[in-house]
């Protein structure tokens, strides 16, 4: 069962973390749909926000430089908005273990602040939250569906799940229109690829583009599902305005699954680099989840959505984009 598509024309949209990877791709899509798009971003370098991500679309998008941890400014920003997309977050699992309090602040406390500001100043707004498959931890069965036990393997997963619970609670108690989407490995244009803190996908893409060797931890057989960013943006667009989703959390995913070795071999069809399989570092092994691929059947039963882009096509598009924009994404600064 699906709902009619949401008409974004003239709607006021706030994207938190809007200069980051997924937020900027969403912003461009919604601006092209006729929405009045405002982005909020702290521009903290380690979290991936960059004006390069909206290059060519600056006239269609308003930018506010603010931190979602600043509840004073947030209280003003949420007013008058029709839709809020909460895309800001600390995404590094290893960093969440090294600095758990910052992860708590950004991924949990700030989400509660968004809800409180919305409850007080704009209780009719719709909020869509970018969560993560990391909340499930090491899968007990595959594919992972929403009935799977929640067993986070790191601080990041705990805080993202706590945030989900706040969104659910505020829907049930205050009637806020909240929906959480649990993202799997997302990749594509505008992805943060400058360092090793944002997951293996960005690391592998950067190394491939630079022609540097890739090290695959473990045996390379770990299975994953991958979503091209265009499909993820489409999921958020399709979910907007669907009251059947409010109060719930839903998996995204892809019907195809690939090992890490297959991912790297697919990359190698479009770039020249070497790779090797090496033992896990101790800190990464401690939070590795093994195989993961999810079921998005529940989401697709309520929304007209299914991923369209294969890994082969998506990686080809991604490498082409970064090759064409290497001065903006692969340089040492700027």
C-alpha atoms as a PDB file:
ATOM      1  CA  UNK A   1       0.000   0.000   0.000  1.00  0.00           C
ATOM      2  CA  UNK A   2       1.462   3.372  -0.979  1.00  0.00           C
ATOM      3  CA  UNK A   3       0.512   7.025  -0.691  1.00  0.00           C
ATOM      4  CA  UNK A   4       0.486   9.732  -3.346  1.00  0.00           C
ATOM      5  CA  UNK A   5       3.777  11.522  -3.889  1.00  0.00           C
ATOM      6  CA  UNK A   6       4.379  14.650  -1.826  1.00  0.00           C
ATOM      7  CA  UNK A   7       4.225  17.980  -3.652  1.00  0.00           C
ATOM      8  CA  UNK A   8       7.371  19.877  -2.656  1.00  0.00           C
ATOM      9  CA  UNK A   9       6.657  22.918  -4.796  1.00  0.00           C
ATOM     10  CA  UNK A  10       6.692  25.971  -2.515  1.00  0.00           C
ATOM     11  CA  UNK A  11       7.227  23.896   0.642  1.00  0.00           C
ATOM     12  CA  UNK A  12       9.713  25.120   3.239  1.00  0.00           C
ATOM     13  CA  UNK A  13      12.287  22.440   3.920  1.00  0.00           C
ATOM     14  CA  UNK A  14      15.051  22.416   6.532  1.00  0.00           C
ATOM     15  CA  UNK A  15      17.922  19.958   6.104  1.00  0.00           C
ATOM     16  CA  UNK A  16      20.150  19.563   9.149  1.00  0.00           C
ATOM     17  CA  UNK A  17      23.622  18.530   8.075  1.00  0.00           C
ATOM     18  CA  UNK A  18      22.656  19.779   4.645  1.00  0.00           C
ATOM     19  CA  UNK A  19      26.170  20.418   3.352  1.00  0.00           C
ATOM     20  CA  UNK A  20      27.193  16.843   4.035  1.00  0.00           C
ATOM     21  CA  UNK A  21      27.065  13.858   1.706  1.00  0.00           C
ATOM     22  CA  UNK A  22      23.435  12.727   1.733  1.00  0.00           C
ATOM     23  CA  UNK A  23      22.027  16.056   2.889  1.00  0.00           C
ATOM     24  CA  UNK A  24      23.469  17.955  -0.074  1.00  0.00           C
ATOM     25  CA  UNK A  25      22.234  15.413  -2.611  1.00  0.00           C
ATOM     26  CA  UNK A  26      18.781  15.642  -1.010  1.00  0.00           C
ATOM     27  CA  UNK A  27      18.934  19.447  -1.027  1.00  0.00           C
ATOM     28  CA  UNK A  28      19.654  19.603  -4.753  1.00  0.00           C
ATOM     29  CA  UNK A  29      16.855  17.176  -5.525  1.00  0.00           C
ATOM     30  CA  UNK A  30      14.295  19.117  -3.464  1.00  0.00           C
ATOM     31  CA  UNK A  31      15.372  22.494  -4.835  1.00  0.00           C
ATOM     32  CA  UNK A  32      14.791  21.096  -8.315  1.00  0.00           C
ATOM     33  CA  UNK A  33      11.326  20.018  -7.142  1.00  0.00           C
ATOM     34  CA  UNK A  34      10.528  23.639  -6.280  1.00  0.00           C
ATOM     35  CA  UNK A  35      10.999  23.496  -2.515  1.00  0.00           C
ATOM     36  CA  UNK A  36      12.355  26.446  -0.532  1.00  0.00           C
ATOM     37  CA  UNK A  37      15.410  24.695   0.872  1.00  0.00           C
ATOM     38  CA  UNK A  38      17.407  25.886   3.862  1.00  0.00           C
ATOM     39  CA  UNK A  39      20.492  24.003   4.991  1.00  0.00           C
ATOM     40  CA  UNK A  40      21.975  24.001   8.465  1.00  0.00           C
ATOM     41  CA  UNK A  41      25.568  22.878   8.845  1.00  0.00           C
ATOM     42  CA  UNK A  42      28.292  23.415  11.419  1.00  0.00           C
ATOM     43  CA  UNK A  43      30.992  23.093   8.732  1.00  0.00           C
ATOM     44  CA  UNK A  44      33.154  21.077  11.111  1.00  0.00           C
ATOM     45  CA  UNK A  45      35.703  19.598   8.739  1.00  0.00           C
ATOM     46  CA  UNK A  46      35.716  16.088  10.169  1.00  0.00           C
ATOM     47  CA  UNK A  47      31.975  15.666   9.536  1.00  0.00           C
ATOM     48  CA  UNK A  48      32.091  16.300   5.807  1.00  0.00           C
ATOM     49  CA  UNK A  49      30.191  19.560   5.328  1.00  0.00           C
ATOM     50  CA  UNK A  50      31.412  21.483   2.272  1.00  0.00           C
ATOM     51  CA  UNK A  51      30.089  24.236   0.032  1.00  0.00           C
ATOM     52  CA  UNK A  52      31.515  22.235  -2.857  1.00  0.00           C
ATOM     53  CA  UNK A  53      28.593  19.870  -2.375  1.00  0.00           C
ATOM     54  CA  UNK A  54      26.099  22.455  -3.654  1.00  0.00           C
ATOM     55  CA  UNK A  55      28.330  23.989  -6.320  1.00  0.00           C
ATOM     56  CA  UNK A  56      26.159  25.181  -9.192  1.00  0.00           C
ATOM     57  CA  UNK A  57      23.022  25.244  -7.048  1.00  0.00           C
ATOM     58  CA  UNK A  58      23.886  28.090  -4.648  1.00  0.00           C
ATOM     59  CA  UNK A  59      21.145  30.340  -5.996  1.00  0.00           C
ATOM     60  CA  UNK A  60      18.476  27.729  -5.230  1.00  0.00           C
ATOM     61  CA  UNK A  61      19.562  26.886  -1.685  1.00  0.00           C
ATOM     62  CA  UNK A  62      19.908  28.983   1.481  1.00  0.00           C
ATOM     63  CA  UNK A  63      22.673  28.081   3.914  1.00  0.00           C
ATOM     64  CA  UNK A  64      22.728  28.762   7.647  1.00  0.00           C
ATOM     65  CA  UNK A  65      26.005  28.105   9.439  1.00  0.00           C
ATOM     66  CA  UNK A  66      24.969  26.734  12.794  1.00  0.00           C
ATOM     67  CA  UNK A  67      25.501  23.696  15.000  1.00  0.00           C
ATOM     68  CA  UNK A  68      22.508  21.498  15.797  1.00  0.00           C
ATOM     69  CA  UNK A  69      23.823  21.419  19.361  1.00  0.00           C
ATOM     70  CA  UNK A  70      22.914  25.141  19.613  1.00  0.00           C
ATOM     71  CA  UNK A  71      19.335  24.921  20.860  1.00  0.00           C
ATOM     72  CA  UNK A  72      18.910  28.706  20.805  1.00  0.00           C
ATOM     73  CA  UNK A  73      19.396  28.997  17.040  1.00  0.00           C
ATOM     74  CA  UNK A  74      17.600  25.698  16.419  1.00  0.00           C
ATOM     75  CA  UNK A  75      14.471  27.058  18.070  1.00  0.00           C
ATOM     76  CA  UNK A  76      14.306  29.792  15.434  1.00  0.00           C
ATOM     77  CA  UNK A  77      15.296  27.624  12.500  1.00  0.00           C
ATOM     78  CA  UNK A  78      12.465  25.101  12.889  1.00  0.00           C
ATOM     79  CA  UNK A  79       9.734  27.731  12.851  1.00  0.00           C
ATOM     80  CA  UNK A  80       7.594  27.859   9.744  1.00  0.00           C
ATOM     81  CA  UNK A  81       9.101  24.748   8.203  1.00  0.00           C
ATOM     82  CA  UNK A  82       6.920  22.133   6.513  1.00  0.00           C
ATOM     83  CA  UNK A  83       9.515  19.350   6.609  1.00  0.00           C
ATOM     84  CA  UNK A  84      12.747  18.785   8.539  1.00  0.00           C
ATOM     85  CA  UNK A  85      15.307  16.209   7.443  1.00  0.00           C
ATOM     86  CA  UNK A  86      17.672  15.336  10.272  1.00  0.00           C
ATOM     87  CA  UNK A  87      20.773  14.203   8.389  1.00  0.00           C
ATOM     88  CA  UNK A  88      23.461  15.637  10.679  1.00  0.00           C
ATOM     89  CA  UNK A  89      25.481  13.157  12.643  1.00  0.00           C
ATOM     90  CA  UNK A  90      28.787  11.665  13.652  1.00  0.00           C
ATOM     91  CA  UNK A  91      29.066   8.601  11.421  1.00  0.00           C
ATOM     92  CA  UNK A  92      32.383   7.029  12.383  1.00  0.00           C
ATOM     93  CA  UNK A  93      31.978   3.874  14.427  1.00  0.00           C
ATOM     94  CA  UNK A  94      35.609   3.790  15.517  1.00  0.00           C
ATOM     95  CA  UNK A  95      35.500   7.485  16.513  1.00  0.00           C
ATOM     96  CA  UNK A  96      32.410   6.817  18.608  1.00  0.00           C
ATOM     97  CA  UNK A  97      34.498   4.401  20.667  1.00  0.00           C
ATOM     98  CA  UNK A  98      37.407   6.828  20.989  1.00  0.00           C
ATOM     99  CA  UNK A  99      35.205   9.818  21.881  1.00  0.00           C
ATOM    100  CA  UNK A 100      31.839   8.511  23.103  1.00  0.00           C
ATOM    101  CA  UNK A 101      30.664  11.767  24.664  1.00  0.00           C
ATOM    102  CA  UNK A 102      30.888  13.749  21.417  1.00  0.00           C
ATOM    103  CA  UNK A 103      28.985  10.977  19.674  1.00  0.00           C
ATOM    104  CA  UNK A 104      26.341  11.114  22.416  1.00  0.00           C
ATOM    105  CA  UNK A 105      26.088  14.878  22.055  1.00  0.00           C
ATOM    106  CA  UNK A 106      25.687  14.896  18.272  1.00  0.00           C
ATOM    107  CA  UNK A 107      23.799  11.664  17.617  1.00  0.00           C
ATOM    108  CA  UNK A 108      21.470  11.600  20.586  1.00  0.00           C
ATOM    109  CA  UNK A 109      21.209  14.791  22.657  1.00  0.00           C
ATOM    110  CA  UNK A 110      20.969  16.986  19.558  1.00  0.00           C
ATOM    111  CA  UNK A 111      18.143  14.870  18.145  1.00  0.00           C
ATOM    112  CA  UNK A 112      16.219  15.361  21.378  1.00  0.00           C
ATOM    113  CA  UNK A 113      16.801  19.102  21.012  1.00  0.00           C
ATOM    114  CA  UNK A 114      15.319  18.990  17.493  1.00  0.00           C
ATOM    115  CA  UNK A 115      12.232  17.300  18.878  1.00  0.00           C
ATOM    116  CA  UNK A 116      11.850  19.711  21.774  1.00  0.00           C
ATOM    117  CA  UNK A 117      12.229  22.752  19.530  1.00  0.00           C
ATOM    118  CA  UNK A 118       9.726  21.312  17.071  1.00  0.00           C
ATOM    119  CA  UNK A 119       7.247  20.471  19.857  1.00  0.00           C
ATOM    120  CA  UNK A 120       7.436  24.001  21.232  1.00  0.00           C
ATOM    121  CA  UNK A 121       7.662  26.090  18.077  1.00  0.00           C
ATOM    122  CA  UNK A 122       6.346  23.994  15.160  1.00  0.00           C
ATOM    123  CA  UNK A 123       4.366  20.933  16.274  1.00  0.00           C
ATOM    124  CA  UNK A 124       2.865  20.389  12.796  1.00  0.00           C
ATOM    125  CA  UNK A 125       6.232  19.904  11.079  1.00  0.00           C
ATOM    126  CA  UNK A 126       7.153  16.518   9.610  1.00  0.00           C
ATOM    127  CA  UNK A 127      10.563  15.136  10.623  1.00  0.00           C
ATOM    128  CA  UNK A 128      12.513  12.418   8.833  1.00  0.00           C
ATOM    129  CA  UNK A 129      15.581  11.038  10.574  1.00  0.00           C
ATOM    130  CA  UNK A 130      18.593   9.325   8.997  1.00  0.00           C
ATOM    131  CA  UNK A 131      19.333   6.344  11.247  1.00  0.00           C
ATOM    132  CA  UNK A 132      21.616   3.374  10.609  1.00  0.00           C
ATOM    133  CA  UNK A 133      21.645  -0.411  10.245  1.00  0.00           C
ATOM    134  CA  UNK A 134      24.453  -0.310  12.860  1.00  0.00           C
ATOM    135  CA  UNK A 135      21.824  -0.468  15.611  1.00  0.00           C
ATOM    136  CA  UNK A 136      21.364  -4.192  14.913  1.00  0.00           C
ATOM    137  CA  UNK A 137      24.969  -5.081  15.675  1.00  0.00           C
ATOM    138  CA  UNK A 138      26.097  -8.564  14.690  1.00  0.00           C
ATOM    139  CA  UNK A 139      23.167 -10.184  12.878  1.00  0.00           C
ATOM    140  CA  UNK A 140      21.508 -13.259  14.372  1.00  0.00           C
ATOM    141  CA  UNK A 141      19.912 -14.028  11.001  1.00  0.00           C
ATOM    142  CA  UNK A 142      19.922 -12.696   7.441  1.00  0.00           C
ATOM    143  CA  UNK A 143      18.441 -10.738   5.857  1.00  0.00           C
ATOM    144  CA  UNK A 144      17.922  -8.481   8.861  1.00  0.00           C
ATOM    145  CA  UNK A 145      14.363  -7.168   9.194  1.00  0.00           C
ATOM    146  CA  UNK A 146      12.851  -4.714  11.662  1.00  0.00           C
ATOM    147  CA  UNK A 147      11.936  -7.556  14.041  1.00  0.00           C
ATOM    148  CA  UNK A 148      15.605  -8.389  14.549  1.00  0.00           C
ATOM    149  CA  UNK A 149      16.860  -7.747  18.112  1.00  0.00           C
ATOM    150  CA  UNK A 150      18.623  -4.438  18.649  1.00  0.00           C
ATOM    151  CA  UNK A 151      22.189  -5.288  19.685  1.00  0.00           C
ATOM    152  CA  UNK A 152      24.515  -2.336  18.890  1.00  0.00           C
ATOM    153  CA  UNK A 153      28.181  -3.247  18.631  1.00  0.00           C
ATOM    154  CA  UNK A 154      29.470   0.269  19.311  1.00  0.00           C
ATOM    155  CA  UNK A 155      28.623   3.594  20.932  1.00  0.00           C
ATOM    156  CA  UNK A 156      27.421   5.019  17.620  1.00  0.00           C
ATOM    157  CA  UNK A 157      24.767   2.317  17.300  1.00  0.00           C
ATOM    158  CA  UNK A 158      23.543   2.863  20.854  1.00  0.00           C
ATOM    159  CA  UNK A 159      23.175   6.603  20.396  1.00  0.00           C
ATOM    160  CA  UNK A 160      21.467   6.311  17.010  1.00  0.00           C
ATOM    161  CA  UNK A 161      18.969   3.845  18.454  1.00  0.00           C
ATOM    162  CA  UNK A 162      18.302   6.082  21.462  1.00  0.00           C
ATOM    163  CA  UNK A 163      17.571   8.913  19.022  1.00  0.00           C
ATOM    164  CA  UNK A 164      15.140   6.668  17.142  1.00  0.00           C
ATOM    165  CA  UNK A 165      13.341   5.981  20.403  1.00  0.00           C
ATOM    166  CA  UNK A 166      12.997   9.709  21.075  1.00  0.00           C
ATOM    167  CA  UNK A 167      11.421  10.209  17.644  1.00  0.00           C
ATOM    168  CA  UNK A 168       9.035   7.338  18.303  1.00  0.00           C
ATOM    169  CA  UNK A 169       8.153   8.631  21.773  1.00  0.00           C
ATOM    170  CA  UNK A 170       7.481  12.180  20.596  1.00  0.00           C
ATOM    171  CA  UNK A 171       5.167  10.813  17.933  1.00  0.00           C
ATOM    172  CA  UNK A 172       3.255   8.690  20.423  1.00  0.00           C
ATOM    173  CA  UNK A 173       3.036  11.278  23.206  1.00  0.00           C
ATOM    174  CA  UNK A 174       2.937  14.606  21.344  1.00  0.00           C
ATOM    175  CA  UNK A 175       1.738  13.561  17.895  1.00  0.00           C
ATOM    176  CA  UNK A 176       4.844  14.757  16.054  1.00  0.00           C
ATOM    177  CA  UNK A 177       5.071  13.330  12.548  1.00  0.00           C
ATOM    178  CA  UNK A 178       8.376  11.463  12.797  1.00  0.00           C
ATOM    179  CA  UNK A 179       9.851   8.739  10.588  1.00  0.00           C
ATOM    180  CA  UNK A 180      13.259   7.040  10.868  1.00  0.00           C
ATOM    181  CA  UNK A 181      15.025   5.371   7.942  1.00  0.00           C
ATOM    182  CA  UNK A 182      17.824   2.927   8.743  1.00  0.00           C
ATOM    183  CA  UNK A 183      20.520   3.406   6.137  1.00  0.00           C
ATOM    184  CA  UNK A 184      22.965   0.735   5.069  1.00  0.00           C
ATOM    185  CA  UNK A 185      26.282   1.386   3.264  1.00  0.00           C
ATOM    186  CA  UNK A 186      25.569   4.502   1.185  1.00  0.00           C
ATOM    187  CA  UNK A 187      27.956   5.736  -1.482  1.00  0.00           C
ATOM    188  CA  UNK A 188      28.055   8.114  -4.408  1.00  0.00           C
ATOM    189  CA  UNK A 189      28.832  11.676  -5.529  1.00  0.00           C
ATOM    190  CA  UNK A 190      29.662  14.211  -2.794  1.00  0.00           C
ATOM    191  CA  UNK A 191      30.676  11.467  -0.368  1.00  0.00           C
ATOM    192  CA  UNK A 192      33.310  12.447   2.189  1.00  0.00           C
ATOM    193  CA  UNK A 193      36.513  10.740   1.055  1.00  0.00           C
ATOM    194  CA  UNK A 194      39.266  12.837   2.612  1.00  0.00           C
ATOM    195  CA  UNK A 195      40.191  10.619   5.564  1.00  0.00           C
ATOM    196  CA  UNK A 196      39.696   7.188   7.134  1.00  0.00           C
ATOM    197  CA  UNK A 197      36.970   8.109   9.626  1.00  0.00           C
ATOM    198  CA  UNK A 198      33.803   7.681   7.562  1.00  0.00           C
ATOM    199  CA  UNK A 199      33.668   3.981   6.829  1.00  0.00           C
ATOM    200  CA  UNK A 200      35.383   1.633   4.434  1.00  0.00           C
ATOM    201  CA  UNK A 201      33.398   2.662   1.350  1.00  0.00           C
ATOM    202  CA  UNK A 202      34.776   6.207   1.297  1.00  0.00           C
ATOM    203  CA  UNK A 203      38.246   4.966   2.166  1.00  0.00           C
ATOM    204  CA  UNK A 204      38.285   2.453  -0.675  1.00  0.00           C
ATOM    205  CA  UNK A 205      36.967   5.003  -3.183  1.00  0.00           C
ATOM    206  CA  UNK A 206      39.642   7.545  -2.231  1.00  0.00           C
ATOM    207  CA  UNK A 207      42.449   5.010  -2.459  1.00  0.00           C
ATOM    208  CA  UNK A 208      41.166   3.707  -5.793  1.00  0.00           C
ATOM    209  CA  UNK A 209      41.065   7.210  -7.250  1.00  0.00           C
ATOM    210  CA  UNK A 210      44.594   7.885  -5.997  1.00  0.00           C
ATOM    211  CA  UNK A 211      45.904   4.592  -7.349  1.00  0.00           C
ATOM    212  CA  UNK A 212      46.995   3.568  -3.860  1.00  0.00           C
ATOM    213  CA  UNK A 213      46.791   0.029  -2.450  1.00  0.00           C
ATOM    214  CA  UNK A 214      43.645  -1.051  -0.606  1.00  0.00           C
ATOM    215  CA  UNK A 215      43.811  -3.277   2.454  1.00  0.00           C
ATOM    216  CA  UNK A 216      40.778  -5.466   3.119  1.00  0.00           C
ATOM    217  CA  UNK A 217      40.469  -6.532   6.755  1.00  0.00           C
ATOM    218  CA  UNK A 218      39.592 -10.130   7.612  1.00  0.00           C
ATOM    219  CA  UNK A 219      39.090 -12.630   4.816  1.00  0.00           C
ATOM    220  CA  UNK A 220      37.291 -10.304   2.391  1.00  0.00           C
ATOM    221  CA  UNK A 221      34.200 -12.503   2.393  1.00  0.00           C
ATOM    222  CA  UNK A 222      32.096 -10.276   4.653  1.00  0.00           C
ATOM    223  CA  UNK A 223      28.798  -9.592   2.889  1.00  0.00           C
ATOM    224  CA  UNK A 224      27.152  -6.191   2.668  1.00  0.00           C
ATOM    225  CA  UNK A 225      24.343  -4.449   0.817  1.00  0.00           C
ATOM    226  CA  UNK A 226      25.044  -1.065  -0.772  1.00  0.00           C
ATOM    227  CA  UNK A 227      22.758   1.839  -1.683  1.00  0.00           C
ATOM    228  CA  UNK A 228      23.696   4.455  -4.243  1.00  0.00           C
ATOM    229  CA  UNK A 229      22.956   7.907  -2.833  1.00  0.00           C
ATOM    230  CA  UNK A 230      20.399   8.675  -5.550  1.00  0.00           C
ATOM    231  CA  UNK A 231      18.306   5.730  -4.312  1.00  0.00           C
ATOM    232  CA  UNK A 232      18.611   6.892  -0.697  1.00  0.00           C
ATOM    233  CA  UNK A 233      17.478  10.403  -1.613  1.00  0.00           C
ATOM    234  CA  UNK A 234      14.539   8.875  -3.448  1.00  0.00           C
ATOM    235  CA  UNK A 235      13.636   6.931  -0.277  1.00  0.00           C
ATOM    236  CA  UNK A 236      13.478  10.124   1.794  1.00  0.00           C
ATOM    237  CA  UNK A 237      11.457  11.871  -0.912  1.00  0.00           C
ATOM    238  CA  UNK A 238       9.046   8.942  -1.180  1.00  0.00           C
ATOM    239  CA  UNK A 239       8.648   8.718   2.605  1.00  0.00           C
ATOM    240  CA  UNK A 240       7.734  12.399   2.992  1.00  0.00           C
ATOM    241  CA  UNK A 241       4.049  12.981   3.605  1.00  0.00           C
ATOM    242  CA  UNK A 242       3.261   9.304   4.204  1.00  0.00           C
ATOM    243  CA  UNK A 243       1.351   9.184   7.502  1.00  0.00           C
ATOM    244  CA  UNK A 244       1.525   5.379   7.548  1.00  0.00           C
ATOM    245  CA  UNK A 245       5.218   5.660   8.390  1.00  0.00           C
ATOM    246  CA  UNK A 246       4.945   8.060  11.312  1.00  0.00           C
ATOM    247  CA  UNK A 247       6.328   6.727  14.561  1.00  0.00           C
ATOM    248  CA  UNK A 248       8.201   3.894  12.871  1.00  0.00           C
ATOM    249  CA  UNK A 249      11.715   2.961  11.788  1.00  0.00           C
ATOM    250  CA  UNK A 250      12.348   1.216   8.475  1.00  0.00           C
ATOM    251  CA  UNK A 251      15.273  -0.490   6.787  1.00  0.00           C
ATOM    252  CA  UNK A 252      16.651   0.573   3.458  1.00  0.00           C
ATOM    253  CA  UNK A 253      18.803  -1.883   1.553  1.00  0.00           C
ATOM    254  CA  UNK A 254      19.434  -3.554  -1.777  1.00  0.00           C
ATOM    255  CA  UNK A 255      18.362  -6.941  -3.146  1.00  0.00           C
ATOM    256  CA  UNK A 256      21.950  -7.641  -4.230  1.00  0.00           C
ATOM    257  CA  UNK A 257      24.666  -8.433  -1.718  1.00  0.00           C
ATOM    258  CA  UNK A 258      28.404  -8.323  -2.279  1.00  0.00           C
ATOM    259  CA  UNK A 259      31.495  -9.319  -0.343  1.00  0.00           C
ATOM    260  CA  UNK A 260      34.079  -6.673   0.441  1.00  0.00           C
ATOM    261  CA  UNK A 261      36.389  -8.406  -2.007  1.00  0.00           C
ATOM    262  CA  UNK A 262      33.715  -8.178  -4.728  1.00  0.00           C
ATOM    263  CA  UNK A 263      33.272  -4.485  -3.919  1.00  0.00           C
ATOM    264  CA  UNK A 264      36.992  -3.872  -4.410  1.00  0.00           C
ATOM    265  CA  UNK A 265      37.115  -5.981  -7.561  1.00  0.00           C
ATOM    266  CA  UNK A 266      34.241  -3.937  -8.992  1.00  0.00           C
ATOM    267  CA  UNK A 267      36.169  -0.766  -8.154  1.00  0.00           C
ATOM    268  CA  UNK A 268      39.201  -2.177  -9.937  1.00  0.00           C
ATOM    269  CA  UNK A 269      37.225  -2.319 -13.201  1.00  0.00           C
ATOM    270  CA  UNK A 270      37.203   1.489 -13.204  1.00  0.00           C
ATOM    271  CA  UNK A 271      40.490   2.415 -11.501  1.00  0.00           C
ATOM    272  CA  UNK A 272      44.072   1.183 -11.397  1.00  0.00           C
ATOM    273  CA  UNK A 273      45.226   0.059  -7.938  1.00  0.00           C
ATOM    274  CA  UNK A 274      46.366  -3.020  -6.052  1.00  0.00           C
ATOM    275  CA  UNK A 275      44.764  -4.661  -3.044  1.00  0.00           C
ATOM    276  CA  UNK A 276      45.567  -7.191  -0.353  1.00  0.00           C
ATOM    277  CA  UNK A 277      43.753  -9.038   2.420  1.00  0.00           C
ATOM    278  CA  UNK A 278      45.196  -8.394   5.900  1.00  0.00           C
ATOM    279  CA  UNK A 279      44.249  -9.309   9.493  1.00  0.00           C
ATOM    280  CA  UNK A 280      41.831  -7.072  11.376  1.00  0.00           C
ATOM    281  CA  UNK A 281      43.350  -4.415  13.650  1.00  0.00           C
ATOM    282  CA  UNK A 282      42.283  -5.173  17.218  1.00  0.00           C
ATOM    283  CA  UNK A 283      40.121  -2.063  17.674  1.00  0.00           C
ATOM    284  CA  UNK A 284      38.228  -2.640  14.435  1.00  0.00           C
ATOM    285  CA  UNK A 285      37.770  -6.365  14.997  1.00  0.00           C
ATOM    286  CA  UNK A 286      36.087  -5.623  18.327  1.00  0.00           C
ATOM    287  CA  UNK A 287      33.222  -3.776  16.637  1.00  0.00           C
ATOM    288  CA  UNK A 288      33.061  -5.605  13.306  1.00  0.00           C
ATOM    289  CA  UNK A 289      29.588  -7.027  12.656  1.00  0.00           C
ATOM    290  CA  UNK A 290      30.497  -9.733  10.160  1.00  0.00           C
ATOM    291  CA  UNK A 291      27.968 -10.261   7.373  1.00  0.00           C
ATOM    292  CA  UNK A 292      25.092  -7.809   7.068  1.00  0.00           C
ATOM    293  CA  UNK A 293      22.355  -7.344   4.525  1.00  0.00           C
ATOM    294  CA  UNK A 294      18.863  -6.164   5.287  1.00  0.00           C
ATOM    295  CA  UNK A 295      15.282  -6.589   4.223  1.00  0.00           C
ATOM    296  CA  UNK A 296      13.524  -3.420   3.042  1.00  0.00           C
ATOM    297  CA  UNK A 297      10.263  -5.270   2.443  1.00  0.00           C
ATOM    298  CA  UNK A 298       8.375  -3.419   5.181  1.00  0.00           C
ATOM    299  CA  UNK A 299       9.316   0.000   3.805  1.00  0.00           C
ATOM    300  CA  UNK A 300       8.465  -1.004   0.237  1.00  0.00           C
ATOM    301  CA  UNK A 301       5.083  -2.320   1.362  1.00  0.00           C
ATOM    302  CA  UNK A 302       4.176   1.189   2.540  1.00  0.00           C
ATOM    303  CA  UNK A 303       6.085   3.333   0.044  1.00  0.00           C
ATOM    304  CA  UNK A 304       6.614   3.089  -3.696  1.00  0.00           C
ATOM    305  CA  UNK A 305      10.375   2.562  -3.398  1.00  0.00           C
ATOM    306  CA  UNK A 306      12.996   0.055  -4.401  1.00  0.00           C
ATOM    307  CA  UNK A 307      16.660   0.688  -5.230  1.00  0.00           C
ATOM    308  CA  UNK A 308      17.327   1.021  -8.948  1.00  0.00           C
ATOM    309  CA  UNK A 309      21.098   1.424  -9.190  1.00  0.00           C
ATOM    310  CA  UNK A 310      23.354  -1.630  -9.166  1.00  0.00           C
ATOM    311  CA  UNK A 311      26.735  -1.575  -7.451  1.00  0.00           C
ATOM    312  CA  UNK A 312      28.487  -1.783 -10.812  1.00  0.00           C
ATOM    313  CA  UNK A 313      26.615   1.212 -12.225  1.00  0.00           C
ATOM    314  CA  UNK A 314      26.805   3.181  -8.988  1.00  0.00           C
ATOM    315  CA  UNK A 315      30.564   2.804  -8.579  1.00  0.00           C
ATOM    316  CA  UNK A 316      31.109   3.750 -12.205  1.00  0.00           C
ATOM    317  CA  UNK A 317      29.060   6.945 -11.713  1.00  0.00           C
ATOM    318  CA  UNK A 318      30.816   7.683  -8.418  1.00  0.00           C
ATOM    319  CA  UNK A 319      34.335   7.408  -9.790  1.00  0.00           C
ATOM    320  CA  UNK A 320      33.393   9.496 -12.823  1.00  0.00           C
ATOM    321  CA  UNK A 321      32.018  12.223 -10.544  1.00  0.00           C
ATOM    322  CA  UNK A 322      35.094  12.393  -8.340  1.00  0.00           C
ATOM    323  CA  UNK A 323      37.421  12.271 -11.327  1.00  0.00           C
ATOM    324  CA  UNK A 324      35.591  15.227 -12.856  1.00  0.00           C
ATOM    325  CA  UNK A 325      35.608  17.140  -9.542  1.00  0.00           C
ATOM    326  CA  UNK A 326      38.947  16.023  -8.091  1.00  0.00           C
ATOM    327  CA  UNK A 327      39.989  19.610  -7.355  1.00  0.00           C
ATOM    328  CA  UNK A 328      37.057  20.005  -4.954  1.00  0.00           C
ATOM    329  CA  UNK A 329      37.171  16.626  -3.185  1.00  0.00           C
ATOM    330  CA  UNK A 330      40.645  15.150  -3.364  1.00  0.00           C
ATOM    331  CA  UNK A 331      42.872  18.186  -2.832  1.00  0.00           C
ATOM    332  CA  UNK A 332      44.569  18.661   0.515  1.00  0.00           C
ATOM    333  CA  UNK A 333      42.339  21.560   1.491  1.00  0.00           C
ATOM    334  CA  UNK A 334      39.454  23.723   0.281  1.00  0.00           C
END
